[in-house]
C-alpha atoms as a PDB file:
ATOM      1  CA  UNK A   1      41.632 -18.296 121.997  1.00  0.00           C
ATOM      2  CA  UNK A   2      44.764 -16.895 120.882  1.00  0.00           C
ATOM      3  CA  UNK A   3      45.969 -17.630 117.771  1.00  0.00           C
ATOM      4  CA  UNK A   4      48.160 -20.635 116.552  1.00  0.00           C
ATOM      5  CA  UNK A   5      51.624 -19.795 115.837  1.00  0.00           C
ATOM      6  CA  UNK A   6      52.950 -18.785 112.097  1.00  0.00           C
ATOM      7  CA  UNK A   7      56.550 -19.961 110.908  1.00  0.00           C
ATOM      8  CA  UNK A   8      56.619 -20.382 107.454  1.00  0.00           C
ATOM      9  CA  UNK A   9      55.697 -17.656 104.395  1.00  0.00           C
ATOM     10  CA  UNK A  10      53.204 -19.736 102.980  1.00  0.00           C
ATOM     11  CA  UNK A  11      51.377 -19.804 106.173  1.00  0.00           C
ATOM     12  CA  UNK A  12      52.021 -16.027 106.433  1.00  0.00           C
ATOM     13  CA  UNK A  13      50.446 -15.571 102.817  1.00  0.00           C
ATOM     14  CA  UNK A  14      47.143 -17.602 103.896  1.00  0.00           C
ATOM     15  CA  UNK A  15      46.952 -15.431 107.227  1.00  0.00           C
ATOM     16  CA  UNK A  16      47.215 -11.926 105.644  1.00  0.00           C
ATOM     17  CA  UNK A  17      44.958 -13.019 102.595  1.00  0.00           C
ATOM     18  CA  UNK A  18      42.201 -14.113 104.995  1.00  0.00           C
ATOM     19  CA  UNK A  19      42.347 -10.539 106.462  1.00  0.00           C
ATOM     20  CA  UNK A  20      42.618  -8.416 103.079  1.00  0.00           C
ATOM     21  CA  UNK A  21      39.489  -7.952 100.960  1.00  0.00           C
ATOM     22  CA  UNK A  22      40.145  -9.698  97.823  1.00  0.00           C
ATOM     23  CA  UNK A  23      38.961  -7.124  95.096  1.00  0.00           C
ATOM     24  CA  UNK A  24      38.685  -3.375  96.157  1.00  0.00           C
ATOM     25  CA  UNK A  25      36.815  -1.659  93.634  1.00  0.00           C
ATOM     26  CA  UNK A  26      32.869  -1.605  95.005  1.00  0.00           C
ATOM     27  CA  UNK A  27      31.499   1.123  93.437  1.00  0.00           C
ATOM     28  CA  UNK A  28      28.410   1.271  91.177  1.00  0.00           C
ATOM     29  CA  UNK A  29      28.173   4.755  89.399  1.00  0.00           C
ATOM     30  CA  UNK A  30      30.373   6.279  86.829  1.00  0.00           C
ATOM     31  CA  UNK A  31      31.533   9.001  89.603  1.00  0.00           C
ATOM     32  CA  UNK A  32      32.942   5.905  91.975  1.00  0.00           C
ATOM     33  CA  UNK A  33      34.988   4.872  89.147  1.00  0.00           C
ATOM     34  CA  UNK A  34      36.324   7.819  88.228  1.00  0.00           C
ATOM     35  CA  UNK A  35      37.467   8.642  91.692  1.00  0.00           C
ATOM     36  CA  UNK A  36      38.629   5.236  92.115  1.00  0.00           C
ATOM     37  CA  UNK A  37      40.534   4.890  88.780  1.00  0.00           C
ATOM     38  CA  UNK A  38      42.385   7.853  89.495  1.00  0.00           C
ATOM     39  CA  UNK A  39      43.194   6.854  92.876  1.00  0.00           C
ATOM     40  CA  UNK A  40      44.349   3.188  92.089  1.00  0.00           C
ATOM     41  CA  UNK A  41      46.648   4.501  89.117  1.00  0.00           C
ATOM     42  CA  UNK A  42      48.217   6.672  91.142  1.00  0.00           C
ATOM     43  CA  UNK A  43      48.583   4.149  93.594  1.00  0.00           C
ATOM     44  CA  UNK A  44      50.133   1.408  91.357  1.00  0.00           C
ATOM     45  CA  UNK A  45      52.766   3.756  89.946  1.00  0.00           C
ATOM     46  CA  UNK A  46      53.617   4.767  93.637  1.00  0.00           C
ATOM     47  CA  UNK A  47      54.591   1.026  94.088  1.00  0.00           C
ATOM     48  CA  UNK A  48      56.317   0.102  91.215  1.00  0.00           C
ATOM     49  CA  UNK A  49      58.988   3.324  91.602  1.00  0.00           C
ATOM     50  CA  UNK A  50      59.701   5.811  89.418  1.00  0.00           C
ATOM     51  CA  UNK A  51      60.650   4.900  85.928  1.00  0.00           C
ATOM     52  CA  UNK A  52      64.528   5.033  84.698  1.00  0.00           C
ATOM     53  CA  UNK A  53      65.166   8.426  82.963  1.00  0.00           C
ATOM     54  CA  UNK A  54      64.454   8.767  79.475  1.00  0.00           C
ATOM     55  CA  UNK A  55      67.254   8.352  76.694  1.00  0.00           C
ATOM     56  CA  UNK A  56      66.726   8.455  73.228  1.00  0.00           C
ATOM     57  CA  UNK A  57      65.973   5.270  71.112  1.00  0.00           C
ATOM     58  CA  UNK A  58      68.830   5.295  68.856  1.00  0.00           C
ATOM     59  CA  UNK A  59      67.077   2.455  66.882  1.00  0.00           C
ATOM     60  CA  UNK A  60      69.250   0.369  64.348  1.00  0.00           C
ATOM     61  CA  UNK A  61      68.110  -2.522  62.082  1.00  0.00           C
ATOM     62  CA  UNK A  62      70.413  -5.458  62.298  1.00  0.00           C
ATOM     63  CA  UNK A  63      68.836  -8.051  60.295  1.00  0.00           C
ATOM     64  CA  UNK A  64      66.306  -8.581  57.897  1.00  0.00           C
ATOM     65  CA  UNK A  65      64.468 -11.747  55.993  1.00  0.00           C
ATOM     66  CA  UNK A  66      61.137 -13.018  55.013  1.00  0.00           C
ATOM     67  CA  UNK A  67      59.029 -15.632  56.935  1.00  0.00           C
ATOM     68  CA  UNK A  68      55.646 -17.238  55.382  1.00  0.00           C
ATOM     69  CA  UNK A  69      55.238 -14.066  53.626  1.00  0.00           C
ATOM     70  CA  UNK A  70      55.758 -11.380  55.953  1.00  0.00           C
ATOM     71  CA  UNK A  71      58.631  -9.121  55.721  1.00  0.00           C
ATOM     72  CA  UNK A  72      60.236  -9.036  59.492  1.00  0.00           C
ATOM     73  CA  UNK A  73      63.315  -7.531  60.458  1.00  0.00           C
ATOM     74  CA  UNK A  74      65.698  -7.010  63.950  1.00  0.00           C
ATOM     75  CA  UNK A  75      65.909  -3.870  65.368  1.00  0.00           C
ATOM     76  CA  UNK A  76      67.811  -2.760  68.236  1.00  0.00           C
ATOM     77  CA  UNK A  77      66.699   0.436  70.731  1.00  0.00           C
ATOM     78  CA  UNK A  78      68.064   1.720  73.991  1.00  0.00           C
ATOM     79  CA  UNK A  79      65.326   1.733  76.864  1.00  0.00           C
ATOM     80  CA  UNK A  80      67.447   3.452  79.196  1.00  0.00           C
ATOM     81  CA  UNK A  81      70.958   3.942  80.306  1.00  0.00           C
ATOM     82  CA  UNK A  82      71.627   0.490  80.805  1.00  0.00           C
ATOM     83  CA  UNK A  83      69.075  -1.570  79.097  1.00  0.00           C
ATOM     84  CA  UNK A  84      68.956  -2.303  75.039  1.00  0.00           C
ATOM     85  CA  UNK A  85      65.725  -4.257  73.692  1.00  0.00           C
ATOM     86  CA  UNK A  86      66.008  -6.527  70.630  1.00  0.00           C
ATOM     87  CA  UNK A  87      62.662  -6.916  68.865  1.00  0.00           C
ATOM     88  CA  UNK A  88      60.960  -8.072  65.555  1.00  0.00           C
ATOM     89  CA  UNK A  89      59.438  -5.891  63.538  1.00  0.00           C
ATOM     90  CA  UNK A  90      56.851  -7.628  61.206  1.00  0.00           C
ATOM     91  CA  UNK A  91      55.128  -5.942  58.014  1.00  0.00           C
ATOM     92  CA  UNK A  92      52.475  -7.218  55.243  1.00  0.00           C
ATOM     93  CA  UNK A  93      54.897  -8.363  52.153  1.00  0.00           C
ATOM     94  CA  UNK A  94      52.566  -6.334  49.994  1.00  0.00           C
ATOM     95  CA  UNK A  95      52.450  -3.148  51.962  1.00  0.00           C
ATOM     96  CA  UNK A  96      52.201   0.151  49.754  1.00  0.00           C
ATOM     97  CA  UNK A  97      54.316   3.201  50.143  1.00  0.00           C
ATOM     98  CA  UNK A  98      52.513   5.779  52.179  1.00  0.00           C
ATOM     99  CA  UNK A  99      50.196   3.199  53.773  1.00  0.00           C
ATOM    100  CA  UNK A 100      49.525   3.252  57.372  1.00  0.00           C
ATOM    101  CA  UNK A 101      48.475   0.643  59.209  1.00  0.00           C
ATOM    102  CA  UNK A 102      47.631  -0.134  62.763  1.00  0.00           C
ATOM    103  CA  UNK A 103      50.308  -1.785  64.961  1.00  0.00           C
ATOM    104  CA  UNK A 104      49.914  -4.374  67.808  1.00  0.00           C
ATOM    105  CA  UNK A 105      52.692  -5.044  70.505  1.00  0.00           C
ATOM    106  CA  UNK A 106      53.029  -8.791  70.927  1.00  0.00           C
ATOM    107  CA  UNK A 107      53.987  -9.914  74.406  1.00  0.00           C
ATOM    108  CA  UNK A 108      55.902 -13.131  74.926  1.00  0.00           C
ATOM    109  CA  UNK A 109      54.945 -15.402  77.423  1.00  0.00           C
ATOM    110  CA  UNK A 110      57.386 -16.966  80.068  1.00  0.00           C
ATOM    111  CA  UNK A 111      59.271 -19.048  77.549  1.00  0.00           C
ATOM    112  CA  UNK A 112      62.102 -18.821  74.709  1.00  0.00           C
ATOM    113  CA  UNK A 113      61.317 -14.879  74.316  1.00  0.00           C
ATOM    114  CA  UNK A 114      60.222 -13.109  70.887  1.00  0.00           C
ATOM    115  CA  UNK A 115      61.260 -15.699  68.727  1.00  0.00           C
ATOM    116  CA  UNK A 116      58.143 -17.826  70.077  1.00  0.00           C
ATOM    117  CA  UNK A 117      55.716 -14.830  68.890  1.00  0.00           C
ATOM    118  CA  UNK A 118      57.413 -14.578  65.534  1.00  0.00           C
ATOM    119  CA  UNK A 119      57.378 -18.831  64.830  1.00  0.00           C
ATOM    120  CA  UNK A 120      61.253 -18.869  65.041  1.00  0.00           C
ATOM    121  CA  UNK A 121      61.180 -21.089  67.712  1.00  0.00           C
ATOM    122  CA  UNK A 122      58.818 -23.732  68.890  1.00  0.00           C
ATOM    123  CA  UNK A 123      57.008 -22.303  71.641  1.00  0.00           C
ATOM    124  CA  UNK A 124      52.917 -23.370  70.126  1.00  0.00           C
ATOM    125  CA  UNK A 125      51.092 -21.207  72.652  1.00  0.00           C
ATOM    126  CA  UNK A 126      51.894 -18.275  71.156  1.00  0.00           C
ATOM    127  CA  UNK A 127      50.452 -18.983  67.823  1.00  0.00           C
ATOM    128  CA  UNK A 128      53.340 -17.327  65.679  1.00  0.00           C
ATOM    129  CA  UNK A 129      50.750 -13.766  66.236  1.00  0.00           C
ATOM    130  CA  UNK A 130      53.639 -11.604  65.214  1.00  0.00           C
ATOM    131  CA  UNK A 131      53.463 -13.382  61.624  1.00  0.00           C
ATOM    132  CA  UNK A 132      49.860 -14.261  61.830  1.00  0.00           C
ATOM    133  CA  UNK A 133      48.396 -10.626  62.564  1.00  0.00           C
ATOM    134  CA  UNK A 134      50.904  -9.004  60.370  1.00  0.00           C
ATOM    135  CA  UNK A 135      49.283 -11.166  57.281  1.00  0.00           C
ATOM    136  CA  UNK A 136      46.110  -9.696  58.712  1.00  0.00           C
ATOM    137  CA  UNK A 137      47.181  -6.137  58.140  1.00  0.00           C
ATOM    138  CA  UNK A 138      48.831  -4.939  61.194  1.00  0.00           C
ATOM    139  CA  UNK A 139      52.349  -3.651  61.850  1.00  0.00           C
ATOM    140  CA  UNK A 140      53.695  -5.887  64.433  1.00  0.00           C
ATOM    141  CA  UNK A 141      56.573  -5.736  66.946  1.00  0.00           C
ATOM    142  CA  UNK A 142      57.389  -8.133  69.800  1.00  0.00           C
ATOM    143  CA  UNK A 143      60.247  -7.000  72.181  1.00  0.00           C
ATOM    144  CA  UNK A 144      62.457  -9.567  74.363  1.00  0.00           C
ATOM    145  CA  UNK A 145      61.568  -8.555  77.864  1.00  0.00           C
ATOM    146  CA  UNK A 146      64.322  -8.729  80.631  1.00  0.00           C
ATOM    147  CA  UNK A 147      65.998 -12.423  81.213  1.00  0.00           C
ATOM    148  CA  UNK A 148      64.296 -13.551  78.134  1.00  0.00           C
ATOM    149  CA  UNK A 149      65.351 -14.453  74.447  1.00  0.00           C
ATOM    150  CA  UNK A 150      68.713 -12.534  73.831  1.00  0.00           C
ATOM    151  CA  UNK A 151      68.209 -10.899  77.252  1.00  0.00           C
ATOM    152  CA  UNK A 152      68.468 -14.308  78.693  1.00  0.00           C
ATOM    153  CA  UNK A 153      71.088 -14.104  81.561  1.00  0.00           C
ATOM    154  CA  UNK A 154      74.078 -16.967  81.814  1.00  0.00           C
ATOM    155  CA  UNK A 155      73.273 -19.524  83.878  1.00  0.00           C
ATOM    156  CA  UNK A 156      76.030 -19.472  86.149  1.00  0.00           C
ATOM    157  CA  UNK A 157      75.249 -15.987  87.347  1.00  0.00           C
ATOM    158  CA  UNK A 158      71.534 -17.379  87.725  1.00  0.00           C
ATOM    159  CA  UNK A 159      72.750 -20.368  88.784  1.00  0.00           C
ATOM    160  CA  UNK A 160      69.948 -22.621  86.938  1.00  0.00           C
ATOM    161  CA  UNK A 161      68.678 -25.181  86.977  1.00  0.00           C
ATOM    162  CA  UNK A 162      67.983 -24.549  90.845  1.00  0.00           C
ATOM    163  CA  UNK A 163      67.001 -20.338  90.692  1.00  0.00           C
ATOM    164  CA  UNK A 164      64.566 -18.519  88.173  1.00  0.00           C
ATOM    165  CA  UNK A 165      66.388 -15.672  86.249  1.00  0.00           C
ATOM    166  CA  UNK A 166      63.186 -13.376  86.804  1.00  0.00           C
ATOM    167  CA  UNK A 167      63.585 -13.776  90.521  1.00  0.00           C
ATOM    168  CA  UNK A 168      67.595 -13.264  90.720  1.00  0.00           C
ATOM    169  CA  UNK A 169      67.028 -10.066  88.007  1.00  0.00           C
ATOM    170  CA  UNK A 170      64.386  -8.880  90.667  1.00  0.00           C
ATOM    171  CA  UNK A 171      66.521  -8.902  93.217  1.00  0.00           C
ATOM    172  CA  UNK A 172      69.545  -7.653  91.195  1.00  0.00           C
ATOM    173  CA  UNK A 173      67.549  -4.489  90.520  1.00  0.00           C
ATOM    174  CA  UNK A 174      66.429  -3.814  93.768  1.00  0.00           C
ATOM    175  CA  UNK A 175      69.617  -3.116  95.016  1.00  0.00           C
ATOM    176  CA  UNK A 176      69.437  -0.087  92.499  1.00  0.00           C
ATOM    177  CA  UNK A 177      65.976   0.911  93.509  1.00  0.00           C
ATOM    178  CA  UNK A 178      64.185  -0.499  90.542  1.00  0.00           C
ATOM    179  CA  UNK A 179      61.156  -3.023  90.466  1.00  0.00           C
ATOM    180  CA  UNK A 180      61.973  -5.560  87.733  1.00  0.00           C
ATOM    181  CA  UNK A 181      58.145  -5.493  86.443  1.00  0.00           C
ATOM    182  CA  UNK A 182      58.360  -1.418  86.301  1.00  0.00           C
ATOM    183  CA  UNK A 183      61.478  -1.864  84.069  1.00  0.00           C
ATOM    184  CA  UNK A 184      59.225  -4.597  81.864  1.00  0.00           C
ATOM    185  CA  UNK A 185      56.573  -2.027  81.730  1.00  0.00           C
ATOM    186  CA  UNK A 186      58.986   0.557  80.803  1.00  0.00           C
ATOM    187  CA  UNK A 187      60.173  -1.493  77.718  1.00  0.00           C
ATOM    188  CA  UNK A 188      56.962  -1.998  76.605  1.00  0.00           C
ATOM    189  CA  UNK A 189      56.353   1.752  76.267  1.00  0.00           C
ATOM    190  CA  UNK A 190      59.455   2.378  74.757  1.00  0.00           C
ATOM    191  CA  UNK A 191      58.325  -0.686  72.253  1.00  0.00           C
ATOM    192  CA  UNK A 192      55.307   1.752  71.513  1.00  0.00           C
ATOM    193  CA  UNK A 193      57.359   4.409  71.483  1.00  0.00           C
ATOM    194  CA  UNK A 194      59.531   2.958  68.591  1.00  0.00           C
ATOM    195  CA  UNK A 195      56.093   1.723  66.924  1.00  0.00           C
ATOM    196  CA  UNK A 196      54.357   4.768  66.454  1.00  0.00           C
ATOM    197  CA  UNK A 197      57.569   6.486  65.383  1.00  0.00           C
ATOM    198  CA  UNK A 198      57.312   3.852  62.041  1.00  0.00           C
ATOM    199  CA  UNK A 199      56.448   6.074  59.081  1.00  0.00           C
ATOM    200  CA  UNK A 200      53.477   2.853  57.645  1.00  0.00           C
ATOM    201  CA  UNK A 201      52.004   2.681  61.236  1.00  0.00           C
ATOM    202  CA  UNK A 202      49.026   4.739  62.360  1.00  0.00           C
ATOM    203  CA  UNK A 203      49.510   5.638  66.085  1.00  0.00           C
ATOM    204  CA  UNK A 204      45.820   6.163  66.329  1.00  0.00           C
ATOM    205  CA  UNK A 205      45.173   2.675  66.313  1.00  0.00           C
ATOM    206  CA  UNK A 206      47.462   0.480  68.390  1.00  0.00           C
ATOM    207  CA  UNK A 207      46.948  -2.714  70.178  1.00  0.00           C
ATOM    208  CA  UNK A 208      48.205  -5.246  72.370  1.00  0.00           C
ATOM    209  CA  UNK A 209      48.332  -9.060  72.881  1.00  0.00           C
ATOM    210  CA  UNK A 210      50.107 -11.653  74.903  1.00  0.00           C
ATOM    211  CA  UNK A 211      49.485 -15.077  76.811  1.00  0.00           C
ATOM    212  CA  UNK A 212      50.536 -16.020  80.476  1.00  0.00           C
ATOM    213  CA  UNK A 213      53.230 -13.364  81.021  1.00  0.00           C
ATOM    214  CA  UNK A 214      52.591 -12.058  78.052  1.00  0.00           C
ATOM    215  CA  UNK A 215      48.886 -11.553  79.582  1.00  0.00           C
ATOM    216  CA  UNK A 216      50.656  -9.802  82.582  1.00  0.00           C
ATOM    217  CA  UNK A 217      52.368  -7.055  80.302  1.00  0.00           C
ATOM    218  CA  UNK A 218      49.459  -6.594  78.317  1.00  0.00           C
ATOM    219  CA  UNK A 219      47.452  -5.797  81.325  1.00  0.00           C
ATOM    220  CA  UNK A 220      49.865  -3.480  83.100  1.00  0.00           C
ATOM    221  CA  UNK A 221      51.185  -1.775  80.104  1.00  0.00           C
ATOM    222  CA  UNK A 222      47.471  -1.301  78.355  1.00  0.00           C
ATOM    223  CA  UNK A 223      46.428   0.010  81.859  1.00  0.00           C
ATOM    224  CA  UNK A 224      49.206   2.519  82.424  1.00  0.00           C
ATOM    225  CA  UNK A 225      49.828   3.864  78.488  1.00  0.00           C
ATOM    226  CA  UNK A 226      46.316   4.904  76.900  1.00  0.00           C
ATOM    227  CA  UNK A 227      48.217   4.627  73.438  1.00  0.00           C
ATOM    228  CA  UNK A 228      46.582   1.011  73.408  1.00  0.00           C
ATOM    229  CA  UNK A 229      43.270   1.233  71.920  1.00  0.00           C
ATOM    230  CA  UNK A 230      42.372  -2.565  72.126  1.00  0.00           C
ATOM    231  CA  UNK A 231      43.956  -5.024  74.488  1.00  0.00           C
ATOM    232  CA  UNK A 232      43.415  -8.853  74.489  1.00  0.00           C
ATOM    233  CA  UNK A 233      44.593 -10.493  77.794  1.00  0.00           C
ATOM    234  CA  UNK A 234      45.003 -14.339  77.266  1.00  0.00           C
ATOM    235  CA  UNK A 235      45.432 -16.827  80.205  1.00  0.00           C
ATOM    236  CA  UNK A 236      46.294 -14.345  82.709  1.00  0.00           C
ATOM    237  CA  UNK A 237      43.217 -13.022  84.283  1.00  0.00           C
ATOM    238  CA  UNK A 238      42.992 -14.456  88.052  1.00  0.00           C
ATOM    239  CA  UNK A 239      43.069 -13.649  91.755  1.00  0.00           C
ATOM    240  CA  UNK A 240      46.047 -13.504  94.055  1.00  0.00           C
ATOM    241  CA  UNK A 241      44.345 -15.709  96.233  1.00  0.00           C
ATOM    242  CA  UNK A 242      44.405 -19.068  93.979  1.00  0.00           C
ATOM    243  CA  UNK A 243      48.190 -17.546  92.899  1.00  0.00           C
ATOM    244  CA  UNK A 244      49.588 -17.884  96.379  1.00  0.00           C
ATOM    245  CA  UNK A 245      47.543 -21.046  97.519  1.00  0.00           C
ATOM    246  CA  UNK A 246      45.915 -23.907  95.319  1.00  0.00           C
ATOM    247  CA  UNK A 247      48.460 -22.647  92.379  1.00  0.00           C
ATOM    248  CA  UNK A 248      51.501 -22.882  95.257  1.00  0.00           C
ATOM    249  CA  UNK A 249      53.188 -19.542  94.268  1.00  0.00           C
ATOM    250  CA  UNK A 250      52.121 -19.453  90.990  1.00  0.00           C
ATOM    251  CA  UNK A 251      54.470 -16.047  90.276  1.00  0.00           C
ATOM    252  CA  UNK A 252      57.579 -14.517  89.192  1.00  0.00           C
ATOM    253  CA  UNK A 253      60.165 -11.628  89.766  1.00  0.00           C
ATOM    254  CA  UNK A 254      59.138 -10.707  86.370  1.00  0.00           C
ATOM    255  CA  UNK A 255      55.349 -10.932  87.310  1.00  0.00           C
ATOM    256  CA  UNK A 256      55.121  -9.763  90.947  1.00  0.00           C
ATOM    257  CA  UNK A 257      53.163  -6.066  91.400  1.00  0.00           C
ATOM    258  CA  UNK A 258      55.022  -4.930  94.992  1.00  0.00           C
ATOM    259  CA  UNK A 259      52.037  -4.119  97.418  1.00  0.00           C
ATOM    260  CA  UNK A 260      49.225  -4.793  95.198  1.00  0.00           C
ATOM    261  CA  UNK A 261      46.733  -6.405  97.559  1.00  0.00           C
ATOM    262  CA  UNK A 262      47.195  -3.626  99.443  1.00  0.00           C
ATOM    263  CA  UNK A 263      44.898  -1.565  96.839  1.00  0.00           C
ATOM    264  CA  UNK A 264      43.011  -4.385  94.847  1.00  0.00           C
ATOM    265  CA  UNK A 265      43.785  -7.390  92.530  1.00  0.00           C
ATOM    266  CA  UNK A 266      44.776  -8.369  89.235  1.00  0.00           C
ATOM    267  CA  UNK A 267      41.437  -7.788  87.707  1.00  0.00           C
ATOM    268  CA  UNK A 268      41.270  -4.485  89.255  1.00  0.00           C
ATOM    269  CA  UNK A 269      44.588  -3.166  87.177  1.00  0.00           C
ATOM    270  CA  UNK A 270      42.475  -4.875  84.020  1.00  0.00           C
ATOM    271  CA  UNK A 271      39.728  -2.553  85.154  1.00  0.00           C
ATOM    272  CA  UNK A 272      42.237   0.593  84.761  1.00  0.00           C
ATOM    273  CA  UNK A 273      41.967  -0.341  80.877  1.00  0.00           C
ATOM    274  CA  UNK A 274      38.552   1.054  80.846  1.00  0.00           C
ATOM    275  CA  UNK A 275      37.075   2.944  78.586  1.00  0.00           C
ATOM    276  CA  UNK A 276      39.092   1.205  76.052  1.00  0.00           C
ATOM    277  CA  UNK A 277      38.214  -1.800  74.529  1.00  0.00           C
ATOM    278  CA  UNK A 278      39.345  -4.955  76.129  1.00  0.00           C
ATOM    279  CA  UNK A 279      38.808  -9.003  75.610  1.00  0.00           C
ATOM    280  CA  UNK A 280      40.232 -11.342  78.428  1.00  0.00           C
ATOM    281  CA  UNK A 281      40.639 -14.831  76.998  1.00  0.00           C
ATOM    282  CA  UNK A 282      40.284 -17.729  79.224  1.00  0.00           C
ATOM    283  CA  UNK A 283      40.881 -21.685  78.271  1.00  0.00           C
ATOM    284  CA  UNK A 284      38.675 -24.434  79.548  1.00  0.00           C
ATOM    285  CA  UNK A 285      41.498 -26.715  80.291  1.00  0.00           C
ATOM    286  CA  UNK A 286      44.188 -24.108  81.423  1.00  0.00           C
ATOM    287  CA  UNK A 287      45.935 -25.689  84.638  1.00  0.00           C
ATOM    288  CA  UNK A 288      48.359 -22.526  84.994  1.00  0.00           C
ATOM    289  CA  UNK A 289      45.449 -19.924  85.249  1.00  0.00           C
ATOM    290  CA  UNK A 290      41.983 -22.283  85.933  1.00  0.00           C
ATOM    291  CA  UNK A 291      39.016 -21.193  84.601  1.00  0.00           C
ATOM    292  CA  UNK A 292      37.304 -21.424  87.705  1.00  0.00           C
ATOM    293  CA  UNK A 293      39.349 -18.634  89.272  1.00  0.00           C
ATOM    294  CA  UNK A 294      39.612 -16.454  85.958  1.00  0.00           C
ATOM    295  CA  UNK A 295      36.123 -16.439  85.780  1.00  0.00           C
ATOM    296  CA  UNK A 296      35.531 -15.072  89.238  1.00  0.00           C
ATOM    297  CA  UNK A 297      37.902 -12.189  88.342  1.00  0.00           C
ATOM    298  CA  UNK A 298      36.342 -11.526  84.971  1.00  0.00           C
ATOM    299  CA  UNK A 299      33.156 -10.978  87.098  1.00  0.00           C
ATOM    300  CA  UNK A 300      34.742  -8.391  88.989  1.00  0.00           C
ATOM    301  CA  UNK A 301      36.520  -6.975  85.835  1.00  0.00           C
ATOM    302  CA  UNK A 302      32.559  -6.520  84.311  1.00  0.00           C
ATOM    303  CA  UNK A 303      31.685  -4.819  87.513  1.00  0.00           C
ATOM    304  CA  UNK A 304      34.251  -2.127  86.672  1.00  0.00           C
ATOM    305  CA  UNK A 305      33.400  -1.773  83.028  1.00  0.00           C
ATOM    306  CA  UNK A 306      29.774  -1.320  84.088  1.00  0.00           C
ATOM    307  CA  UNK A 307      30.167   0.870  86.416  1.00  0.00           C
ATOM    308  CA  UNK A 308      32.394   2.980  83.935  1.00  0.00           C
ATOM    309  CA  UNK A 309      29.290   2.792  81.919  1.00  0.00           C
ATOM    310  CA  UNK A 310      31.479   1.038  79.275  1.00  0.00           C
ATOM    311  CA  UNK A 311      30.183  -2.720  79.678  1.00  0.00           C
ATOM    312  CA  UNK A 312      30.026  -2.990  75.822  1.00  0.00           C
ATOM    313  CA  UNK A 313      33.696  -2.354  75.324  1.00  0.00           C
ATOM    314  CA  UNK A 314      34.955  -5.947  77.495  1.00  0.00           C
ATOM    315  CA  UNK A 315      34.494  -9.102  76.061  1.00  0.00           C
ATOM    316  CA  UNK A 316      34.964 -12.444  76.823  1.00  0.00           C
ATOM    317  CA  UNK A 317      36.275 -15.392  74.926  1.00  0.00           C
ATOM    318  CA  UNK A 318      35.544 -18.529  77.312  1.00  0.00           C
ATOM    319  CA  UNK A 319      37.275 -21.097  74.656  1.00  0.00           C
ATOM    320  CA  UNK A 320      37.948 -24.704  74.311  1.00  0.00           C
ATOM    321  CA  UNK A 321      41.579 -25.095  74.853  1.00  0.00           C
ATOM    322  CA  UNK A 322      44.677 -24.763  77.248  1.00  0.00           C
ATOM    323  CA  UNK A 323      47.744 -22.523  78.603  1.00  0.00           C
ATOM    324  CA  UNK A 324      47.311 -20.683  74.661  1.00  0.00           C
ATOM    325  CA  UNK A 325      46.344 -17.797  72.687  1.00  0.00           C
ATOM    326  CA  UNK A 326      42.357 -18.657  70.895  1.00  0.00           C
ATOM    327  CA  UNK A 327      44.244 -16.548  67.724  1.00  0.00           C
ATOM    328  CA  UNK A 328      40.971 -16.417  65.745  1.00  0.00           C
ATOM    329  CA  UNK A 329      38.843 -14.687  67.834  1.00  0.00           C
ATOM    330  CA  UNK A 330      41.684 -12.581  69.123  1.00  0.00           C
ATOM    331  CA  UNK A 331      42.550 -11.251  65.770  1.00  0.00           C
ATOM    332  CA  UNK A 332      38.862 -10.449  64.696  1.00  0.00           C
ATOM    333  CA  UNK A 333      38.972  -8.520  67.998  1.00  0.00           C
ATOM    334  CA  UNK A 334      41.803  -6.546  67.186  1.00  0.00           C
ATOM    335  CA  UNK A 335      40.728  -6.306  63.527  1.00  0.00           C
ATOM    336  CA  UNK A 336      37.461  -5.021  64.280  1.00  0.00           C
ATOM    337  CA  UNK A 337      38.499  -2.137  67.077  1.00  0.00           C
ATOM    338  CA  UNK A 338      41.673  -1.176  65.005  1.00  0.00           C
ATOM    339  CA  UNK A 339      40.139  -1.611  61.255  1.00  0.00           C
ATOM    340  CA  UNK A 340      42.614  -3.530  60.078  1.00  0.00           C
ATOM    341  CA  UNK A 341      41.818  -5.850  56.913  1.00  0.00           C
ATOM    342  CA  UNK A 342      43.714  -8.990  55.501  1.00  0.00           C
ATOM    343  CA  UNK A 343      45.959  -8.810  52.834  1.00  0.00           C
ATOM    344  CA  UNK A 344      45.837 -10.855  49.291  1.00  0.00           C
END
């Protein structure tokens, strides 16, 4: 029988999903993993497009204060010739001259921006990780991603509330040949450049953590930048199938990876982090990235780590909770693998 007519994008997506293998890595051996890793990483970089031309960071500290016993400062640096990044940096109050500590990039989610990760704005699901981890013996940094926090576009330009700033920004940057996710990843890598430049940071011990869109950023940045030695992906691991079907288009311009379904799925991107350390956190009551789908994605990710011969470097934290960071487990994981010790 001839196929039915297809009129809507949702129907088109369902049709294409049924005809595209959901998870592309099928290997079992180390050799198969190495070949896949090389080809898949190359495909991701090609689809994201070339990054902007590098420019000097030109860092400038514009504010200093103390929050919950942690010394924090706001720094501004340049990501490219058309973008600057504001970020909070946190240091233990008792940091000694000449001391070297591990650094953690704290990626905020789709919300208030970097202030939520430092407890400066109501954003409880992020557990003020920038402050909490600094008290655990890390140097922390949390930048504003494009369209969030101090980088949020004006309502009348975005035409809120009917439009999402992420989606408008994705289209606007597309006119110039840029994908928004690629620009966000470039910002993350420039943030790592700045973090590594700090004299009190041991650049050999860098980690990253983030929930939701912060999990997106942790996944892609850690996959593409090997300076990240330990990553915690929180409440993001999932499948494209679920995002475009049961979750009713659960994506946005910031999290969209062009062409991903041609090559693999979200768990495959996380698989590029191997052989480095990775924890996946899945909340039992998360209604944004539901546990059934997330656990399915995790099993595929575990297969990639097994094929890489590194199954002991992947950990699952399936915790009782919702769309939020399980702070204690994440902090213990980062401390164990990056060598941080609580202060005081």
